[in-house]
N, C-alpha and C. Protein backbone atom coordinates (compact mmCIF):
# COMPACT_ATOMS: atom_id res chain seq x y z
N UNK A 1 10.19 7.37 10.27
CA UNK A 1 9.18 7.24 9.61
C UNK A 1 9.78 5.62 8.71
N UNK A 2 8.87 4.38 9.01
CA UNK A 2 9.49 3.15 8.38
C UNK A 2 7.97 2.87 7.57
N UNK A 3 8.00 2.68 6.24
CA UNK A 3 6.82 2.36 5.11
C UNK A 3 7.55 0.89 5.06
N UNK A 4 5.98 0.27 4.91
CA UNK A 4 6.43 -1.01 4.61
C UNK A 4 5.12 -0.82 3.13
N UNK A 5 5.60 -1.72 2.16
CA UNK A 5 4.80 -2.00 0.77
C UNK A 5 4.63 -3.19 0.48
N UNK A 6 3.57 -3.69 0.42
CA UNK A 6 3.37 -5.28 0.27
C UNK A 6 3.62 -5.78 -1.32
N UNK A 7 3.69 -6.69 -1.44
CA UNK A 7 3.41 -7.32 -2.90
C UNK A 7 4.96 -6.94 -3.38
N UNK A 8 5.83 -7.46 -2.16
CA UNK A 8 7.40 -7.81 -2.18
C UNK A 8 7.85 -8.48 -3.63
N UNK A 9 7.35 -9.08 -4.38
CA UNK A 9 7.82 -10.12 -5.72
C UNK A 9 7.07 -9.47 -6.57
N UNK A 10 6.79 -8.19 -6.93
CA UNK A 10 6.08 -7.65 -7.68
C UNK A 10 6.90 -6.45 -8.42
N UNK A 11 6.78 -6.40 -9.70
CA UNK A 11 7.15 -5.24 -10.16
C UNK A 11 6.94 -3.78 -9.84
N UNK A 12 5.20 -3.50 -9.84
CA UNK A 12 4.84 -2.81 -8.95
C UNK A 12 5.12 -1.84 -7.50
N UNK A 13 5.60 -3.11 -6.88
CA UNK A 13 5.94 -2.99 -5.59
C UNK A 13 7.58 -2.09 -5.74
N UNK A 14 8.35 -2.63 -6.46
CA UNK A 14 9.64 -1.58 -6.82
C UNK A 14 9.28 -0.47 -7.58
N UNK A 15 8.37 -0.03 -8.35
CA UNK A 15 8.31 1.06 -8.61
C UNK A 15 7.70 2.33 -7.61
N UNK A 16 6.74 1.43 -7.20
CA UNK A 16 6.50 2.54 -5.49
C UNK A 16 7.25 3.13 -4.91
N UNK A 17 8.54 2.01 -4.63
CA UNK A 17 9.45 1.91 -3.91
C UNK A 17 10.44 2.88 -4.25
N UNK A 18 10.76 3.20 -5.43
CA UNK A 18 11.42 3.80 -5.90
C UNK A 18 10.88 5.38 -6.31
N UNK A 19 9.29 5.27 -6.06
CA UNK A 19 8.27 6.64 -5.99
C UNK A 19 9.08 7.38 -4.76
N UNK A 20 9.22 6.62 -4.00
CA UNK A 20 9.20 7.05 -2.15
C UNK A 20 10.39 7.19 -1.86
N UNK A 21 11.56 7.62 -2.64
CA UNK A 21 12.78 7.48 -2.93
C UNK A 21 13.31 8.42 -1.83
N UNK A 22 12.29 9.48 -1.36
CA UNK A 22 13.13 10.30 -0.35
C UNK A 22 12.71 9.93 1.09
N UNK A 23 11.92 9.06 1.14
CA UNK A 23 11.83 8.35 2.26
C UNK A 23 13.01 7.48 2.89
N UNK A 24 13.39 7.33 3.69
CA UNK A 24 14.88 6.82 3.70
C UNK A 24 14.28 5.42 4.17
N UNK A 25 13.34 4.74 5.53
CA UNK A 25 13.20 3.40 5.55
C UNK A 25 11.95 2.50 5.20
N UNK A 26 12.14 2.25 3.52
CA UNK A 26 10.73 1.78 2.90
C UNK A 26 11.66 0.53 2.99
N UNK A 27 10.44 -0.70 3.49
CA UNK A 27 10.63 -1.89 3.62
C UNK A 27 9.72 -2.48 2.46
N UNK A 28 10.33 -3.60 1.84
CA UNK A 28 8.95 -4.25 0.91
C UNK A 28 8.48 -5.75 1.69
N UNK A 29 7.28 -5.91 2.14
CA UNK A 29 6.85 -7.60 2.42
C UNK A 29 5.59 -8.20 1.69
N UNK A 30 5.86 -9.46 1.67
CA UNK A 30 4.96 -10.38 1.11
C UNK A 30 4.52 -11.08 1.88
N UNK A 31 3.18 -11.94 1.83
CA UNK A 31 2.92 -12.83 2.23
C UNK A 31 3.12 -14.37 0.92
N UNK A 32 3.21 -13.89 0.10
CA UNK A 32 3.65 -15.33 -1.11
C UNK A 32 4.94 -15.38 -1.21
N UNK A 33 5.33 -16.44 -1.85
CA UNK A 33 7.32 -16.70 -1.36
C UNK A 33 8.13 -15.58 -1.77
N UNK A 34 8.69 -15.35 -0.89
CA UNK A 34 9.85 -14.47 -1.15
C UNK A 34 10.78 -15.31 -0.53
N UNK A 35 12.35 -14.61 -1.17
CA UNK A 35 13.48 -15.26 -0.97
C UNK A 35 13.84 -14.99 0.74
N UNK A 36 14.23 -16.38 1.22
CA UNK A 36 14.47 -16.63 2.60
C UNK A 36 15.62 -15.70 3.04
N UNK A 37 16.68 -15.41 2.04
CA UNK A 37 17.74 -14.83 1.99
C UNK A 37 17.67 -13.40 2.67
N UNK A 38 16.46 -12.64 1.84
CA UNK A 38 16.42 -11.40 1.62
C UNK A 38 15.38 -11.16 3.20
N UNK A 39 14.69 -12.21 3.56
CA UNK A 39 14.19 -12.01 4.69
C UNK A 39 15.05 -11.87 6.25
N UNK A 40 16.27 -12.84 6.07
CA UNK A 40 17.06 -13.18 6.84
C UNK A 40 17.75 -11.52 6.74
N UNK A 41 18.03 -10.94 5.93
CA UNK A 41 19.25 -9.71 5.73
C UNK A 41 18.19 -8.35 6.27
N UNK A 42 16.62 -8.45 6.28
CA UNK A 42 16.15 -7.81 6.68
C UNK A 42 15.55 -6.72 5.31
N UNK A 43 15.82 -7.01 4.27
CA UNK A 43 15.41 -6.46 2.99
C UNK A 43 13.92 -6.30 2.68
N UNK A 44 13.46 -7.95 3.22
CA UNK A 44 11.62 -7.87 2.84
C UNK A 44 11.30 -8.30 4.09
N UNK A 45 10.10 -8.60 4.70
CA UNK A 45 9.41 -8.75 5.23
C UNK A 45 8.44 -10.22 5.14
N UNK A 46 7.91 -10.89 6.01
CA UNK A 46 7.02 -11.91 5.60
C UNK A 46 5.69 -11.51 6.11
N UNK A 47 4.57 -10.94 5.21
CA UNK A 47 3.56 -10.84 5.47
C UNK A 47 2.70 -11.65 5.87
N UNK A 48 1.53 -11.13 6.96
CA UNK A 48 0.19 -12.48 6.99
C UNK A 48 -0.42 -12.37 6.02
N UNK A 49 -1.25 -14.09 5.63
CA UNK A 49 -2.42 -14.29 4.36
C UNK A 49 -3.17 -13.57 4.81
N UNK A 50 -3.72 -12.72 3.54
CA UNK A 50 -4.76 -11.78 3.66
C UNK A 50 -6.39 -12.97 3.78
N UNK A 51 -6.14 -14.10 3.65
CA UNK A 51 -7.24 -15.07 3.46
C UNK A 51 -7.44 -15.39 5.09
N UNK A 52 -7.05 -15.21 6.00
CA UNK A 52 -6.78 -15.49 7.54
C UNK A 52 -7.69 -14.54 8.05
N UNK A 53 -8.68 -15.17 8.77
CA UNK A 53 -10.10 -14.35 9.87
C UNK A 53 -9.41 -13.57 10.65
N UNK A 54 -7.93 -13.61 10.76
CA UNK A 54 -7.28 -12.46 11.92
C UNK A 54 -5.99 -11.35 11.29
N UNK A 55 -6.44 -11.47 9.72
CA UNK A 55 -5.18 -11.04 8.92
C UNK A 55 -5.03 -9.16 9.65
N UNK A 56 -6.13 -8.57 9.55
CA UNK A 56 -5.80 -7.38 10.00
C UNK A 56 -4.87 -6.93 11.21
N UNK A 57 -5.44 -7.83 12.41
CA UNK A 57 -4.62 -8.08 13.71
C UNK A 57 -3.06 -8.58 13.40
N UNK A 58 -3.11 -9.52 12.75
CA UNK A 58 -1.70 -9.73 12.43
C UNK A 58 -1.03 -8.79 11.88
N UNK A 59 -1.55 -8.18 10.74
CA UNK A 59 -0.95 -6.73 10.05
C UNK A 59 -0.64 -6.03 11.18
N UNK A 60 -1.58 -5.62 11.48
CA UNK A 60 -1.15 -4.31 12.93
C UNK A 60 -0.23 -5.02 13.90
N UNK A 61 -0.06 -6.20 14.25
CA UNK A 61 1.12 -6.67 14.88
C UNK A 61 2.37 -6.79 14.05
N UNK A 62 2.10 -7.21 13.28
CA UNK A 62 3.69 -6.76 12.49
C UNK A 62 4.01 -5.34 12.23
N UNK A 63 3.09 -4.63 11.84
CA UNK A 63 3.49 -3.24 11.98
C UNK A 63 4.53 -2.80 13.01
N UNK A 64 3.21 -3.08 14.32
CA UNK A 64 4.22 -2.16 15.81
C UNK A 64 5.22 -2.94 16.10
N UNK A 65 5.73 -4.36 15.45
CA UNK A 65 6.60 -5.00 16.00
C UNK A 65 8.21 -4.62 15.28
N UNK A 66 7.46 -4.37 13.96
CA UNK A 66 8.93 -3.38 13.47
C UNK A 66 8.39 -2.03 12.93
N UNK A 67 8.01 -1.52 13.89
CA UNK A 67 8.08 0.17 13.81
C UNK A 67 7.65 0.84 12.71
N UNK A 68 6.38 0.27 11.89
CA UNK A 68 5.94 0.82 10.87
C UNK A 68 5.04 1.42 10.85
N UNK A 69 5.06 3.11 10.38
CA UNK A 69 4.06 3.98 10.80
C UNK A 69 3.24 4.08 9.47
N UNK A 70 3.55 3.64 8.10
CA UNK A 70 3.03 3.84 6.91
C UNK A 70 2.68 2.52 5.95
N UNK A 71 1.71 1.63 5.75
CA UNK A 71 1.45 1.04 5.22
C UNK A 71 0.84 1.33 3.67
N UNK A 72 1.44 0.28 2.79
CA UNK A 72 0.64 0.47 1.31
C UNK A 72 0.44 -0.95 0.78
N UNK A 73 -0.10 -1.20 1.18
CA UNK A 73 -0.96 -2.84 0.55
C UNK A 73 -1.18 -2.65 -0.89
N UNK A 74 -0.34 -3.53 -1.71
CA UNK A 74 -0.61 -3.51 -3.36
C UNK A 74 -1.58 -4.76 -3.98
N UNK A 75 -1.37 -5.97 -2.91
CA UNK A 75 -2.06 -7.09 -3.23
C UNK A 75 -4.03 -6.49 -3.17
N UNK A 76 -4.63 -7.13 -4.10
CA UNK A 76 -6.23 -6.80 -4.34
C UNK A 76 -7.02 -7.28 -2.95
N UNK A 77 -6.28 -8.68 -2.60
CA UNK A 77 -6.73 -9.38 -1.27
C UNK A 77 -6.45 -8.57 -0.16
N UNK A 78 -5.56 -7.70 0.33
CA UNK A 78 -5.41 -7.02 1.07
C UNK A 78 -5.84 -5.74 1.43
N UNK A 79 -6.76 -5.18 0.45
CA UNK A 79 -7.14 -3.73 0.37
C UNK A 79 -8.25 -4.11 1.23
N UNK A 80 -9.59 -5.16 1.11
CA UNK A 80 -10.29 -4.63 1.63
C UNK A 80 -10.80 -5.04 3.17
N UNK A 81 -9.89 -6.27 4.02
CA UNK A 81 -9.89 -6.05 5.14
C UNK A 81 -9.17 -5.15 5.80
N UNK A 82 -8.17 -3.95 5.16
CA UNK A 82 -7.65 -3.31 5.95
C UNK A 82 -8.03 -2.25 5.96
N UNK A 83 -8.77 -1.91 5.24
CA UNK A 83 -9.65 -0.91 4.79
C UNK A 83 -10.44 -0.83 6.03
N UNK A 84 -11.30 -1.83 6.35
CA UNK A 84 -12.51 -2.03 7.05
C UNK A 84 -11.79 -1.72 8.69
N UNK A 85 -10.55 -2.21 9.03
CA UNK A 85 -10.10 -1.69 10.16
C UNK A 85 -8.86 -0.43 10.14
N UNK A 86 -9.58 0.46 9.56
CA UNK A 86 -8.31 1.54 9.41
C UNK A 86 -8.34 2.53 10.43
N UNK A 87 -9.80 2.30 11.20
CA UNK A 87 -9.46 2.96 12.31
C UNK A 87 -8.67 2.06 13.67
N UNK A 88 -8.71 1.03 13.71
CA UNK A 88 -7.82 0.41 14.46
C UNK A 88 -6.31 0.56 14.35
N UNK A 89 -5.74 0.46 12.90
CA UNK A 89 -4.80 1.14 12.92
C UNK A 89 -4.23 2.68 12.80
N UNK A 90 -5.26 3.43 12.76
CA UNK A 90 -4.96 4.78 13.18
C UNK A 90 -5.05 5.08 15.12
N UNK A 91 -5.60 4.29 15.78
CA UNK A 91 -5.34 3.99 17.31
C UNK A 91 -4.05 3.84 17.44
N UNK A 92 -3.30 3.37 16.45
CA UNK A 92 -1.79 2.91 17.40
C UNK A 92 -0.86 3.78 16.32
N UNK A 93 -1.38 4.94 15.46
CA UNK A 93 -0.89 6.22 14.38
C UNK A 93 -0.05 5.25 13.37
N UNK A 94 -0.86 4.43 12.97
CA UNK A 94 -0.01 4.05 11.97
C UNK A 94 -1.30 4.04 10.52
N UNK A 95 -0.15 4.79 9.68
CA UNK A 95 -1.05 5.46 8.44
C UNK A 95 -1.65 4.46 7.34
N UNK A 96 -2.83 4.09 7.31
CA UNK A 96 -3.02 3.01 6.07
C UNK A 96 -3.33 3.86 4.67
N UNK A 97 -2.50 3.34 3.94
CA UNK A 97 -2.96 4.38 2.23
C UNK A 97 -3.35 3.59 1.46
N UNK A 98 -4.98 3.57 1.91
CA UNK A 98 -5.94 2.66 0.95
C UNK A 98 -7.16 3.54 0.69
N UNK A 99 -7.52 3.49 -0.48
CA UNK A 99 -8.71 4.40 -0.57
C UNK A 99 -9.93 3.84 0.53
N UNK A 100 -11.15 4.53 0.24
CA UNK A 100 -12.35 4.49 1.08
C UNK A 100 -13.02 2.85 0.28
N UNK A 101 -13.49 2.26 1.37
CA UNK A 101 -13.87 0.92 0.82
C UNK A 101 -14.88 0.64 -0.51
N UNK A 102 -15.77 1.96 -0.49
CA UNK A 102 -16.40 1.90 -1.66
C UNK A 102 -16.03 2.24 -3.04
N UNK A 103 -14.79 2.53 -2.87
CA UNK A 103 -13.93 2.85 -3.88
C UNK A 103 -13.17 1.37 -4.42
N UNK A 104 -12.76 0.86 -3.29
CA UNK A 104 -12.31 -0.46 -3.16
C UNK A 104 -13.16 -1.49 -4.24
N UNK A 105 -14.24 -1.13 -3.71
CA UNK A 105 -15.69 -2.09 -4.30
C UNK A 105 -15.64 -1.69 -5.74
N UNK A 106 -15.61 -0.33 -6.37
CA UNK A 106 -15.74 -0.39 -7.55
C UNK A 106 -14.47 -0.47 -8.66
N UNK A 107 -13.35 -0.02 -8.31
CA UNK A 107 -12.12 0.09 -9.35
C UNK A 107 -10.30 -1.08 -8.60
N UNK A 108 -11.19 -1.96 -8.19
CA UNK A 108 -9.76 -2.97 -7.87
C UNK A 108 -8.98 -3.25 -8.98
N UNK A 109 -8.27 -2.63 -9.84
CA UNK A 109 -7.52 -3.03 -10.49
C UNK A 109 -6.59 -2.40 -11.00
N UNK A 110 -5.84 -2.36 -11.87
CA UNK A 110 -4.44 -1.59 -12.11
C UNK A 110 -4.82 -0.74 -13.98
N UNK A 111 -4.03 0.29 -13.94
CA UNK A 111 -3.81 0.85 -15.14
C UNK A 111 -2.48 1.30 -15.66
N UNK A 112 -2.39 1.73 -16.62
CA UNK A 112 -0.69 2.43 -17.32
C UNK A 112 -1.09 3.81 -16.99
N UNK A 113 -0.24 4.65 -16.76
CA UNK A 113 -0.36 5.55 -16.44
C UNK A 113 0.41 6.27 -15.07
N UNK A 114 0.45 7.09 -14.78
CA UNK A 114 1.09 7.96 -13.77
C UNK A 114 0.43 7.34 -12.33
N UNK A 115 1.70 7.28 -11.59
CA UNK A 115 1.37 6.97 -10.14
C UNK A 115 0.85 8.00 -9.25
N UNK A 116 0.67 7.80 -8.40
CA UNK A 116 -0.07 8.70 -7.27
C UNK A 116 -0.13 8.61 -6.21
N UNK A 117 0.35 8.84 -4.98
CA UNK A 117 0.19 8.38 -3.66
C UNK A 117 -0.37 9.29 -2.87
N UNK A 118 -1.81 8.95 -2.11
CA UNK A 118 -2.35 10.11 -2.00
C UNK A 118 -2.53 9.93 -0.22
N UNK A 119 -2.35 10.98 0.51
CA UNK A 119 -2.67 10.38 1.96
C UNK A 119 -3.17 12.19 2.97
N UNK A 120 -4.74 11.65 2.58
CA UNK A 120 -5.22 12.54 3.72
C UNK A 120 -5.69 13.85 2.48
N UNK A 121 -5.85 13.74 1.02
CA UNK A 121 -6.29 14.42 -0.16
C UNK A 121 -5.09 14.92 -0.48
N UNK A 122 -3.95 14.59 0.13
CA UNK A 122 -2.60 15.50 -0.70
C UNK A 122 -1.65 14.01 -1.13
N UNK A 123 -1.33 15.16 -2.26
CA UNK A 123 -0.06 14.02 -3.41
C UNK A 123 1.05 14.17 -2.30
N UNK A 124 1.49 12.59 -1.89
CA UNK A 124 2.80 12.80 -0.77
C UNK A 124 4.07 12.36 -1.59
N UNK A 125 3.55 11.44 -2.84
CA UNK A 125 4.55 10.84 -3.87
C UNK A 125 3.84 10.73 -5.47
N UNK A 126 4.36 10.91 -6.47
CA UNK A 126 3.57 10.70 -7.70
C UNK A 126 4.56 11.17 -8.77
N UNK A 127 4.38 10.75 -9.95
CA UNK A 127 4.92 11.01 -11.22
C UNK A 127 4.55 12.33 -11.79
N UNK A 128 3.61 12.97 -11.70
CA UNK A 128 2.94 14.13 -11.84
C UNK A 128 1.88 14.84 -11.02
N UNK A 129 1.63 16.10 -10.99
CA UNK A 129 0.80 16.74 -10.56
C UNK A 129 -0.94 16.47 -11.02
N UNK A 130 -1.55 16.31 -10.29
CA UNK A 130 -3.35 15.55 -10.45
C UNK A 130 -3.87 16.45 -10.15
N UNK A 131 -5.17 16.61 -11.10
CA UNK A 131 -6.73 17.09 -10.47
C UNK A 131 -7.38 16.40 -10.28
N UNK A 132 -7.27 15.75 -9.19
CA UNK A 132 -8.13 14.83 -8.59
C UNK A 132 -9.39 14.66 -8.22
N UNK A 133 -10.42 13.69 -8.57
CA UNK A 133 -11.33 13.67 -8.06
C UNK A 133 -11.61 13.68 -6.52
N UNK A 134 -12.47 13.95 -6.00
CA UNK A 134 -12.74 14.49 -4.61
C UNK A 134 -12.84 13.36 -4.36
N UNK A 135 -12.96 12.08 -4.37
CA UNK A 135 -12.74 10.64 -3.60
C UNK A 135 -11.49 9.94 -3.54
N UNK A 136 -10.63 10.30 -3.96
CA UNK A 136 -9.36 9.99 -3.99
C UNK A 136 -8.45 10.82 -2.81
N UNK A 137 -8.94 10.51 -1.75
CA UNK A 137 -8.50 11.05 -0.61
C UNK A 137 -7.23 10.12 -0.10
N UNK A 138 -7.02 8.78 -0.36
CA UNK A 138 -6.05 7.80 0.30
C UNK A 138 -6.11 6.83 -0.59
N UNK A 139 -4.69 6.44 -0.56
CA UNK A 139 -4.52 5.20 -1.42
C UNK A 139 -3.61 5.63 -2.44
N UNK A 140 -2.92 4.19 -3.19
CA UNK A 140 -2.08 4.49 -4.50
C UNK A 140 -3.03 4.49 -5.76
N UNK A 141 -3.13 5.47 -6.85
CA UNK A 141 -3.46 5.24 -8.10
C UNK A 141 -2.62 5.67 -9.16
N UNK A 142 -3.31 4.96 -9.95
CA UNK A 142 -2.63 4.66 -11.42
C UNK A 142 -3.10 6.03 -12.22
N UNK A 143 -3.27 7.16 -12.38
CA UNK A 143 -3.96 8.18 -13.61
C UNK A 143 -3.62 7.96 -14.63
N UNK A 144 -4.41 7.79 -15.88
CA UNK A 144 -4.15 7.68 -17.45
C UNK A 144 -4.04 9.22 -17.64
N UNK A 145 -3.10 9.58 -18.69
CA UNK A 145 -3.29 11.01 -18.98
C UNK A 145 -5.04 11.32 -19.45
N UNK A 146 -5.76 10.60 -19.76
CA UNK A 146 -7.07 11.10 -20.15
C UNK A 146 -7.61 11.38 -18.72
N UNK A 147 -7.05 11.24 -17.29
CA UNK A 147 -7.65 11.55 -15.97
C UNK A 147 -8.32 10.62 -15.74
N UNK A 148 -8.65 9.15 -16.29
CA UNK A 148 -9.29 8.39 -15.55
C UNK A 148 -8.23 7.61 -14.37
N UNK A 149 -9.06 7.19 -13.39
CA UNK A 149 -8.05 6.72 -12.33
C UNK A 149 -8.11 5.04 -11.94
N UNK A 150 -7.21 4.37 -11.54
CA UNK A 150 -7.97 3.12 -11.04
C UNK A 150 -6.61 3.05 -10.12
N UNK A 151 -7.64 2.00 -8.72
CA UNK A 151 -6.35 1.52 -8.00
C UNK A 151 -5.26 0.86 -8.67
N UNK A 152 -4.09 1.28 -7.58
CA UNK A 152 -2.63 0.74 -8.36
C UNK A 152 -2.83 -0.65 -7.66
N UNK A 153 -2.23 -1.84 -8.01
CA UNK A 153 -2.45 -3.19 -7.25
C UNK A 153 -1.22 -4.14 -8.28
N UNK A 154 -0.87 -4.84 -7.45
CA UNK A 154 0.31 -6.03 -8.06
C UNK A 154 -0.55 -7.42 -8.66
N UNK A 155 -1.71 -7.23 -8.97
CA UNK A 155 -1.97 -8.07 -9.13
C UNK A 155 -3.91 -7.81 -9.81
């Protein structure tokens, strides 16, 4: 399984990559400037700009071309267009680790706390065990000691 985490030039992407250390092939990608040397070496991938009208299709093509089976977007601007295209990605067996659209509209921000990665209501990676609300079915979340949660993003 290959995993792509976006926002490659952010500390949050590296935190998440380290959390997924049990997965062998975790790639980082970004549409913002990333070192060409890293792209040429295969350590990073240039991703499409989320402002593009065909962003979801471009990201799907990128995932298919690179054998990506799980996508964890960390840029706020990527979340909504990808969440709206969830079914398209599922048809190609690519898991989008993104919250439901309603949740994105309510909580598109980062907070301090433990990072938890949810896929189909299961914690697949995290800094701690969490009693999570029923709405946290898919996505990367930051959960404070108080239990408050926010979508974990790089911006």
